[in-house]
């Protein structure tokens, strides 16, 4: 539940299109910049979700290679989506 779903990949002669789940929310980076700091309980909440997402990827032999706050979306329910 913490990873943006990839529905389809379409390749043309000049481009590759990724059809992905729509995620309404904001980047974790923007959230940190706006609030200047994350409270410990909030950081733990997001970290747990991130670890669950990474564990799922690794169990499926997938490596993300670009995990950073700009690639994590927070929705209105305070849950993350790794993109």
PDB file of N, CA and C in Angstrom:
ATOM      1  N   UNK A   1       0.799  -1.222   0.000  1.00  0.00           N
ATOM      2  CA  UNK A   1       0.000   0.000   0.000  1.00  0.00           C
ATOM      3  C   UNK A   1       0.840   1.284   0.000  1.00  0.00           C
ATOM      4  N   UNK A   2       2.139   1.167   0.212  1.00  0.00           N
ATOM      5  CA  UNK A   2       2.998   2.347   0.327  1.00  0.00           C
ATOM      6  C   UNK A   2       3.840   2.591  -0.919  1.00  0.00           C
ATOM      7  N   UNK A   3       3.465   1.972  -2.027  1.00  0.00           N
ATOM      8  CA  UNK A   3       4.198   2.130  -3.287  1.00  0.00           C
ATOM      9  C   UNK A   3       3.203   2.524  -4.375  1.00  0.00           C
ATOM     10  N   UNK A   4       3.564   3.508  -5.191  1.00  0.00           N
ATOM     11  CA  UNK A   4       2.710   3.901  -6.306  1.00  0.00           C
ATOM     12  C   UNK A   4       2.671   2.744  -7.302  1.00  0.00           C
ATOM     13  N   UNK A   5       1.469   2.403  -7.720  1.00  0.00           N
ATOM     14  CA  UNK A   5       1.298   1.270  -8.622  1.00  0.00           C
ATOM     15  C   UNK A   5       1.579   1.682 -10.067  1.00  0.00           C
ATOM     16  N   UNK A   6       2.328   0.846 -10.746  1.00  0.00           N
ATOM     17  CA  UNK A   6       2.616   1.032 -12.167  1.00  0.00           C
ATOM     18  C   UNK A   6       1.645   0.152 -12.952  1.00  0.00           C
ATOM     19  N   UNK A   7       0.781   0.779 -13.751  1.00  0.00           N
ATOM     20  CA  UNK A   7      -0.233   0.029 -14.491  1.00  0.00           C
ATOM     21  C   UNK A   7       0.258  -0.466 -15.842  1.00  0.00           C
ATOM     22  N   UNK A   8       1.030   0.374 -16.525  1.00  0.00           N
ATOM     23  CA  UNK A   8       1.429   0.008 -17.877  1.00  0.00           C
ATOM     24  C   UNK A   8       2.646   0.819 -18.312  1.00  0.00           C
ATOM     25  N   UNK A   9       3.392   0.261 -19.245  1.00  0.00           N
ATOM     26  CA  UNK A   9       4.510   0.966 -19.870  1.00  0.00           C
ATOM     27  C   UNK A   9       4.265   0.938 -21.374  1.00  0.00           C
ATOM     28  N   UNK A  10       4.275   2.116 -21.983  1.00  0.00           N
ATOM     29  CA  UNK A  10       4.045   2.228 -23.423  1.00  0.00           C
ATOM     30  C   UNK A  10       5.268   2.885 -24.040  1.00  0.00           C
ATOM     31  N   UNK A  11       5.794   2.250 -25.072  1.00  0.00           N
ATOM     32  CA  UNK A  11       6.987   2.775 -25.725  1.00  0.00           C
ATOM     33  C   UNK A  11       6.654   3.156 -27.158  1.00  0.00           C
ATOM     34  N   UNK A  12       7.053   4.375 -27.527  1.00  0.00           N
ATOM     35  CA  UNK A  12       6.931   4.813 -28.915  1.00  0.00           C
ATOM     36  C   UNK A  12       8.344   4.955 -29.472  1.00  0.00           C
ATOM     37  N   UNK A  13       8.452   5.438 -30.688  1.00  0.00           N
ATOM     38  CA  UNK A  13       9.776   5.613 -31.280  1.00  0.00           C
ATOM     39  C   UNK A  13      10.621   6.638 -30.547  1.00  0.00           C
ATOM     40  N   UNK A  14       9.973   7.623 -29.929  1.00  0.00           N
ATOM     41  CA  UNK A  14      10.732   8.708 -29.307  1.00  0.00           C
ATOM     42  C   UNK A  14      10.559   8.814 -27.786  1.00  0.00           C
ATOM     43  N   UNK A  15       9.602   8.087 -27.214  1.00  0.00           N
ATOM     44  CA  UNK A  15       9.319   8.261 -25.786  1.00  0.00           C
ATOM     45  C   UNK A  15       8.912   6.954 -25.122  1.00  0.00           C
ATOM     46  N   UNK A  16       9.022   6.952 -23.816  1.00  0.00           N
ATOM     47  CA  UNK A  16       8.498   5.867 -22.996  1.00  0.00           C
ATOM     48  C   UNK A  16       7.512   6.494 -22.026  1.00  0.00           C
ATOM     49  N   UNK A  17       6.300   5.954 -21.942  1.00  0.00           N
ATOM     50  CA  UNK A  17       5.264   6.472 -21.079  1.00  0.00           C
ATOM     51  C   UNK A  17       4.991   5.468 -19.957  1.00  0.00           C
ATOM     52  N   UNK A  18       4.970   5.960 -18.738  1.00  0.00           N
ATOM     53  CA  UNK A  18       4.639   5.136 -17.585  1.00  0.00           C
ATOM     54  C   UNK A  18       3.247   5.521 -17.115  1.00  0.00           C
ATOM     55  N   UNK A  19       2.324   4.581 -17.109  1.00  0.00           N
ATOM     56  CA  UNK A  19       0.961   4.832 -16.647  1.00  0.00           C
ATOM     57  C   UNK A  19       0.923   4.370 -15.194  1.00  0.00           C
ATOM     58  N   UNK A  20       0.784   5.362 -14.289  1.00  0.00           N
ATOM     59  CA  UNK A  20       0.896   5.086 -12.858  1.00  0.00           C
ATOM     60  C   UNK A  20      -0.352   5.548 -12.110  1.00  0.00           C
ATOM     61  N   UNK A  21      -0.472   5.036 -10.908  1.00  0.00           N
ATOM     62  CA  UNK A  21      -1.543   5.432  -9.994  1.00  0.00           C
ATOM     63  C   UNK A  21      -1.458   6.933  -9.709  1.00  0.00           C
ATOM     64  N   UNK A  22      -2.604   7.590  -9.646  1.00  0.00           N
ATOM     65  CA  UNK A  22      -2.645   9.012  -9.283  1.00  0.00           C
ATOM     66  C   UNK A  22      -2.568   9.123  -7.763  1.00  0.00           C
ATOM     67  N   UNK A  23      -1.678   9.969  -7.283  1.00  0.00           N
ATOM     68  CA  UNK A  23      -1.510  10.163  -5.837  1.00  0.00           C
ATOM     69  C   UNK A  23      -1.711  11.625  -5.505  1.00  0.00           C
ATOM     70  N   UNK A  24      -2.796  11.919  -4.830  1.00  0.00           N
ATOM     71  CA  UNK A  24      -3.044  13.283  -4.390  1.00  0.00           C
ATOM     72  C   UNK A  24      -2.278  13.490  -3.089  1.00  0.00           C
ATOM     73  N   UNK A  25      -1.498  14.522  -3.019  1.00  0.00           N
ATOM     74  CA  UNK A  25      -0.736  14.796  -1.815  1.00  0.00           C
ATOM     75  C   UNK A  25       0.421  15.715  -2.112  1.00  0.00           C
ATOM     76  N   UNK A  26       1.400  15.683  -1.217  1.00  0.00           N
ATOM     77  CA  UNK A  26       2.571  16.546  -1.369  1.00  0.00           C
ATOM     78  C   UNK A  26       3.828  15.731  -1.112  1.00  0.00           C
ATOM     79  N   UNK A  27       4.937  16.252  -1.592  1.00  0.00           N
ATOM     80  CA  UNK A  27       6.221  15.580  -1.372  1.00  0.00           C
ATOM     81  C   UNK A  27       6.608  15.677   0.104  1.00  0.00           C
ATOM     82  N   UNK A  28       7.271  14.658   0.587  1.00  0.00           N
ATOM     83  CA  UNK A  28       7.793  14.694   1.943  1.00  0.00           C
ATOM     84  C   UNK A  28       8.780  15.848   2.091  1.00  0.00           C
ATOM     85  N   UNK A  29       9.568  16.116   1.067  1.00  0.00           N
ATOM     86  CA  UNK A  29      10.536  17.200   1.114  1.00  0.00           C
ATOM     87  C   UNK A  29       9.851  18.543   1.382  1.00  0.00           C
ATOM     88  N   UNK A  30       8.786  18.824   0.637  1.00  0.00           N
ATOM     89  CA  UNK A  30       8.050  20.065   0.827  1.00  0.00           C
ATOM     90  C   UNK A  30       7.439  20.162   2.216  1.00  0.00           C
ATOM     91  N   UNK A  31       6.987  19.041   2.730  1.00  0.00           N
ATOM     92  CA  UNK A  31       6.417  18.986   4.074  1.00  0.00           C
ATOM     93  C   UNK A  31       7.485  19.319   5.121  1.00  0.00           C
ATOM     94  N   UNK A  32       8.678  18.786   4.940  1.00  0.00           N
ATOM     95  CA  UNK A  32       9.781  19.047   5.877  1.00  0.00           C
ATOM     96  C   UNK A  32      10.191  20.518   5.797  1.00  0.00           C
ATOM     97  N   UNK A  33      10.332  21.041   4.590  1.00  0.00           N
ATOM     98  CA  UNK A  33      10.737  22.445   4.418  1.00  0.00           C
ATOM     99  C   UNK A  33       9.695  23.378   5.042  1.00  0.00           C
ATOM    100  N   UNK A  34       8.419  23.085   4.801  1.00  0.00           N
ATOM    101  CA  UNK A  34       7.343  23.935   5.323  1.00  0.00           C
ATOM    102  C   UNK A  34       7.325  23.949   6.851  1.00  0.00           C
ATOM    103  N   UNK A  35       7.483  22.773   7.476  1.00  0.00           N
ATOM    104  CA  UNK A  35       7.384  22.666   8.933  1.00  0.00           C
ATOM    105  C   UNK A  35       8.723  22.810   9.644  1.00  0.00           C
ATOM    106  N   UNK A  36       9.815  22.883   8.892  1.00  0.00           N
ATOM    107  CA  UNK A  36      11.179  23.022   9.420  1.00  0.00           C
ATOM    108  C   UNK A  36      11.691  21.766  10.130  1.00  0.00           C
ATOM    109  N   UNK A  37      10.815  20.953  10.670  1.00  0.00           N
ATOM    110  CA  UNK A  37      11.224  19.759  11.411  1.00  0.00           C
ATOM    111  C   UNK A  37      10.055  18.778  11.459  1.00  0.00           C
ATOM    112  N   UNK A  38      10.346  17.496  11.574  1.00  0.00           N
ATOM    113  CA  UNK A  38       9.318  16.483  11.804  1.00  0.00           C
ATOM    114  C   UNK A  38       9.357  16.091  13.272  1.00  0.00           C
ATOM    115  N   UNK A  39       8.191  15.976  13.871  1.00  0.00           N
ATOM    116  CA  UNK A  39       8.138  15.466  15.236  1.00  0.00           C
ATOM    117  C   UNK A  39       8.535  13.996  15.211  1.00  0.00           C
ATOM    118  N   UNK A  40       9.067  13.494  16.316  1.00  0.00           N
ATOM    119  CA  UNK A  40       9.573  12.126  16.363  1.00  0.00           C
ATOM    120  C   UNK A  40       8.498  11.106  16.024  1.00  0.00           C
ATOM    121  N   UNK A  41       7.296  11.269  16.560  1.00  0.00           N
ATOM    122  CA  UNK A  41       6.238  10.284  16.280  1.00  0.00           C
ATOM    123  C   UNK A  41       5.824  10.313  14.808  1.00  0.00           C
ATOM    124  N   UNK A  42       5.810  11.492  14.193  1.00  0.00           N
ATOM    125  CA  UNK A  42       5.488  11.604  12.769  1.00  0.00           C
ATOM    126  C   UNK A  42       6.594  10.975  11.922  1.00  0.00           C
ATOM    127  N   UNK A  43       7.843  11.246  12.258  1.00  0.00           N
ATOM    128  CA  UNK A  43       8.970  10.661  11.526  1.00  0.00           C
ATOM    129  C   UNK A  43       8.962   9.138  11.637  1.00  0.00           C
ATOM    130  N   UNK A  44       8.675   8.617  12.830  1.00  0.00           N
ATOM    131  CA  UNK A  44       8.604   7.161  13.019  1.00  0.00           C
ATOM    132  C   UNK A  44       7.489   6.549  12.182  1.00  0.00           C
ATOM    133  N   UNK A  45       6.358   7.242  12.117  1.00  0.00           N
ATOM    134  CA  UNK A  45       5.213   6.773  11.328  1.00  0.00           C
ATOM    135  C   UNK A  45       5.598   6.651   9.849  1.00  0.00           C
ATOM    136  N   UNK A  46       6.211   7.685   9.297  1.00  0.00           N
ATOM    137  CA  UNK A  46       6.626   7.664   7.896  1.00  0.00           C
ATOM    138  C   UNK A  46       7.747   6.652   7.660  1.00  0.00           C
ATOM    139  N   UNK A  47       8.682   6.568   8.606  1.00  0.00           N
ATOM    140  CA  UNK A  47       9.810   5.641   8.459  1.00  0.00           C
ATOM    141  C   UNK A  47       9.325   4.203   8.431  1.00  0.00           C
ATOM    142  N   UNK A  48       8.371   3.854   9.289  1.00  0.00           N
ATOM    143  CA  UNK A  48       7.820   2.496   9.298  1.00  0.00           C
ATOM    144  C   UNK A  48       7.198   2.167   7.944  1.00  0.00           C
ATOM    145  N   UNK A  49       6.421   3.091   7.393  1.00  0.00           N
ATOM    146  CA  UNK A  49       5.793   2.866   6.094  1.00  0.00           C
ATOM    147  C   UNK A  49       6.841   2.720   4.997  1.00  0.00           C
ATOM    148  N   UNK A  50       7.886   3.535   5.054  1.00  0.00           N
ATOM    149  CA  UNK A  50       8.960   3.458   4.070  1.00  0.00           C
ATOM    150  C   UNK A  50       9.678   2.109   4.141  1.00  0.00           C
ATOM    151  N   UNK A  51       9.957   1.649   5.351  1.00  0.00           N
ATOM    152  CA  UNK A  51      10.619   0.350   5.517  1.00  0.00           C
ATOM    153  C   UNK A  51       9.730  -0.780   4.984  1.00  0.00           C
ATOM    154  N   UNK A  52       8.424  -0.701   5.212  1.00  0.00           N
ATOM    155  CA  UNK A  52       7.504  -1.705   4.663  1.00  0.00           C
ATOM    156  C   UNK A  52       7.556  -1.713   3.135  1.00  0.00           C
ATOM    157  N   UNK A  53       7.596  -0.525   2.530  1.00  0.00           N
ATOM    158  CA  UNK A  53       7.665  -0.426   1.070  1.00  0.00           C
ATOM    159  C   UNK A  53       8.974  -1.014   0.543  1.00  0.00           C
ATOM    160  N   UNK A  54      10.085  -0.674   1.174  1.00  0.00           N
ATOM    161  CA  UNK A  54      11.387  -1.185   0.737  1.00  0.00           C
ATOM    162  C   UNK A  54      11.466  -2.699   0.926  1.00  0.00           C
ATOM    163  N   UNK A  55      10.934  -3.184   2.033  1.00  0.00           N
ATOM    164  CA  UNK A  55      10.930  -4.639   2.272  1.00  0.00           C
ATOM    165  C   UNK A  55      10.162  -5.361   1.167  1.00  0.00           C
ATOM    166  N   UNK A  56       9.021  -4.816   0.768  1.00  0.00           N
ATOM    167  CA  UNK A  56       8.237  -5.422  -0.313  1.00  0.00           C
ATOM    168  C   UNK A  56       9.033  -5.442  -1.618  1.00  0.00           C
ATOM    169  N   UNK A  57       9.670  -4.316  -1.944  1.00  0.00           N
ATOM    170  CA  UNK A  57      10.468  -4.254  -3.168  1.00  0.00           C
ATOM    171  C   UNK A  57      11.589  -5.276  -3.154  1.00  0.00           C
ATOM    172  N   UNK A  58      12.303  -5.376  -2.047  1.00  0.00           N
ATOM    173  CA  UNK A  58      13.431  -6.306  -1.960  1.00  0.00           C
ATOM    174  C   UNK A  58      12.975  -7.756  -2.026  1.00  0.00           C
ATOM    175  N   UNK A  59      11.822  -8.076  -1.445  1.00  0.00           N
ATOM    176  CA  UNK A  59      11.293  -9.438  -1.534  1.00  0.00           C
ATOM    177  C   UNK A  59      10.977  -9.809  -2.979  1.00  0.00           C
ATOM    178  N   UNK A  60      10.718  -8.805  -3.812  1.00  0.00           N
ATOM    179  CA  UNK A  60      10.426  -9.030  -5.222  1.00  0.00           C
ATOM    180  C   UNK A  60      11.621  -8.721  -6.122  1.00  0.00           C
ATOM    181  N   UNK A  61      12.809  -8.686  -5.515  1.00  0.00           N
ATOM    182  CA  UNK A  61      14.064  -8.468  -6.236  1.00  0.00           C
ATOM    183  C   UNK A  61      14.080  -7.156  -7.027  1.00  0.00           C
ATOM    184  N   UNK A  62      13.559  -6.112  -6.397  1.00  0.00           N
ATOM    185  CA  UNK A  62      13.546  -4.785  -7.002  1.00  0.00           C
ATOM    186  C   UNK A  62      14.352  -3.856  -6.100  1.00  0.00           C
ATOM    187  N   UNK A  63      15.208  -3.052  -6.715  1.00  0.00           N
ATOM    188  CA  UNK A  63      15.990  -2.054  -5.989  1.00  0.00           C
ATOM    189  C   UNK A  63      15.556  -0.680  -6.480  1.00  0.00           C
ATOM    190  N   UNK A  64      15.244   0.225  -5.582  1.00  0.00           N
ATOM    191  CA  UNK A  64      14.728   1.547  -5.965  1.00  0.00           C
ATOM    192  C   UNK A  64      15.835   2.457  -6.491  1.00  0.00           C
ATOM    193  N   UNK A  65      16.946   2.595  -5.802  1.00  0.00           N
ATOM    194  CA  UNK A  65      18.131   3.354  -6.189  1.00  0.00           C
ATOM    195  C   UNK A  65      17.990   4.876  -6.163  1.00  0.00           C
ATOM    196  N   UNK A  66      16.820   5.403  -5.805  1.00  0.00           N
ATOM    197  CA  UNK A  66      16.675   6.859  -5.742  1.00  0.00           C
ATOM    198  C   UNK A  66      15.685   7.251  -4.646  1.00  0.00           C
ATOM    199  N   UNK A  67      15.859   6.689  -3.469  1.00  0.00           N
ATOM    200  CA  UNK A  67      14.971   7.006  -2.358  1.00  0.00           C
ATOM    201  C   UNK A  67      15.436   8.319  -1.732  1.00  0.00           C
ATOM    202  N   UNK A  68      14.551   9.300  -1.785  1.00  0.00           N
ATOM    203  CA  UNK A  68      14.816  10.614  -1.205  1.00  0.00           C
ATOM    204  C   UNK A  68      13.465  11.260  -0.916  1.00  0.00           C
ATOM    205  N   UNK A  69      13.434  12.286  -0.085  1.00  0.00           N
ATOM    206  CA  UNK A  69      12.150  12.899   0.273  1.00  0.00           C
ATOM    207  C   UNK A  69      11.330  13.391  -0.922  1.00  0.00           C
ATOM    208  N   UNK A  70      11.993  13.769  -2.008  1.00  0.00           N
ATOM    209  CA  UNK A  70      11.277  14.231  -3.194  1.00  0.00           C
ATOM    210  C   UNK A  70      10.515  13.099  -3.880  1.00  0.00           C
ATOM    211  N   UNK A  71      10.869  11.850  -3.606  1.00  0.00           N
ATOM    212  CA  UNK A  71      10.220  10.688  -4.219  1.00  0.00           C
ATOM    213  C   UNK A  71       9.271   9.985  -3.265  1.00  0.00           C
ATOM    214  N   UNK A  72       8.847  10.690  -2.241  1.00  0.00           N
ATOM    215  CA  UNK A  72       7.878  10.153  -1.284  1.00  0.00           C
ATOM    216  C   UNK A  72       6.723  11.146  -1.203  1.00  0.00           C
ATOM    217  N   UNK A  73       5.510  10.663  -1.480  1.00  0.00           N
ATOM    218  CA  UNK A  73       4.317  11.500  -1.439  1.00  0.00           C
ATOM    219  C   UNK A  73       3.562  11.207  -0.142  1.00  0.00           C
ATOM    220  N   UNK A  74       3.063  12.264   0.511  1.00  0.00           N
ATOM    221  CA  UNK A  74       2.235  12.116   1.704  1.00  0.00           C
ATOM    222  C   UNK A  74       0.815  12.526   1.325  1.00  0.00           C
ATOM    223  N   UNK A  75      -0.161  11.645   1.591  1.00  0.00           N
ATOM    224  CA  UNK A  75      -1.547  11.999   1.274  1.00  0.00           C
ATOM    225  C   UNK A  75      -2.223  12.636   2.489  1.00  0.00           C
ATOM    226  N   UNK A  76      -3.506  12.937   2.361  1.00  0.00           N
ATOM    227  CA  UNK A  76      -4.244  13.612   3.430  1.00  0.00           C
ATOM    228  C   UNK A  76      -4.405  12.745   4.674  1.00  0.00           C
ATOM    229  N   UNK A  77      -4.319  11.422   4.519  1.00  0.00           N
ATOM    230  CA  UNK A  77      -4.446  10.503   5.651  1.00  0.00           C
ATOM    231  C   UNK A  77      -3.106  10.246   6.334  1.00  0.00           C
ATOM    232  N   UNK A  78      -2.075  11.009   5.960  1.00  0.00           N
ATOM    233  CA  UNK A  78      -0.723  10.897   6.535  1.00  0.00           C
ATOM    234  C   UNK A  78      -0.093   9.531   6.240  1.00  0.00           C
ATOM    235  N   UNK A  79      -0.369   9.010   5.056  1.00  0.00           N
ATOM    236  CA  UNK A  79       0.286   7.793   4.609  1.00  0.00           C
ATOM    237  C   UNK A  79       1.157   8.139   3.410  1.00  0.00           C
ATOM    238  N   UNK A  80       2.267   7.409   3.282  1.00  0.00           N
ATOM    239  CA  UNK A  80       3.216   7.713   2.202  1.00  0.00           C
ATOM    240  C   UNK A  80       2.962   6.824   0.996  1.00  0.00           C
ATOM    241  N   UNK A  81       3.461   7.282  -0.121  1.00  0.00           N
ATOM    242  CA  UNK A  81       3.543   6.490  -1.349  1.00  0.00           C
ATOM    243  C   UNK A  81       4.935   6.727  -1.907  1.00  0.00           C
ATOM    244  N   UNK A  82       5.692   5.669  -2.053  1.00  0.00           N
ATOM    245  CA  UNK A  82       7.032   5.741  -2.641  1.00  0.00           C
ATOM    246  C   UNK A  82       6.877   5.738  -4.146  1.00  0.00           C
ATOM    247  N   UNK A  83       7.484   6.745  -4.809  1.00  0.00           N
ATOM    248  CA  UNK A  83       7.378   6.824  -6.271  1.00  0.00           C
ATOM    249  C   UNK A  83       8.748   6.619  -6.888  1.00  0.00           C
TER     250      UNK A  83
END
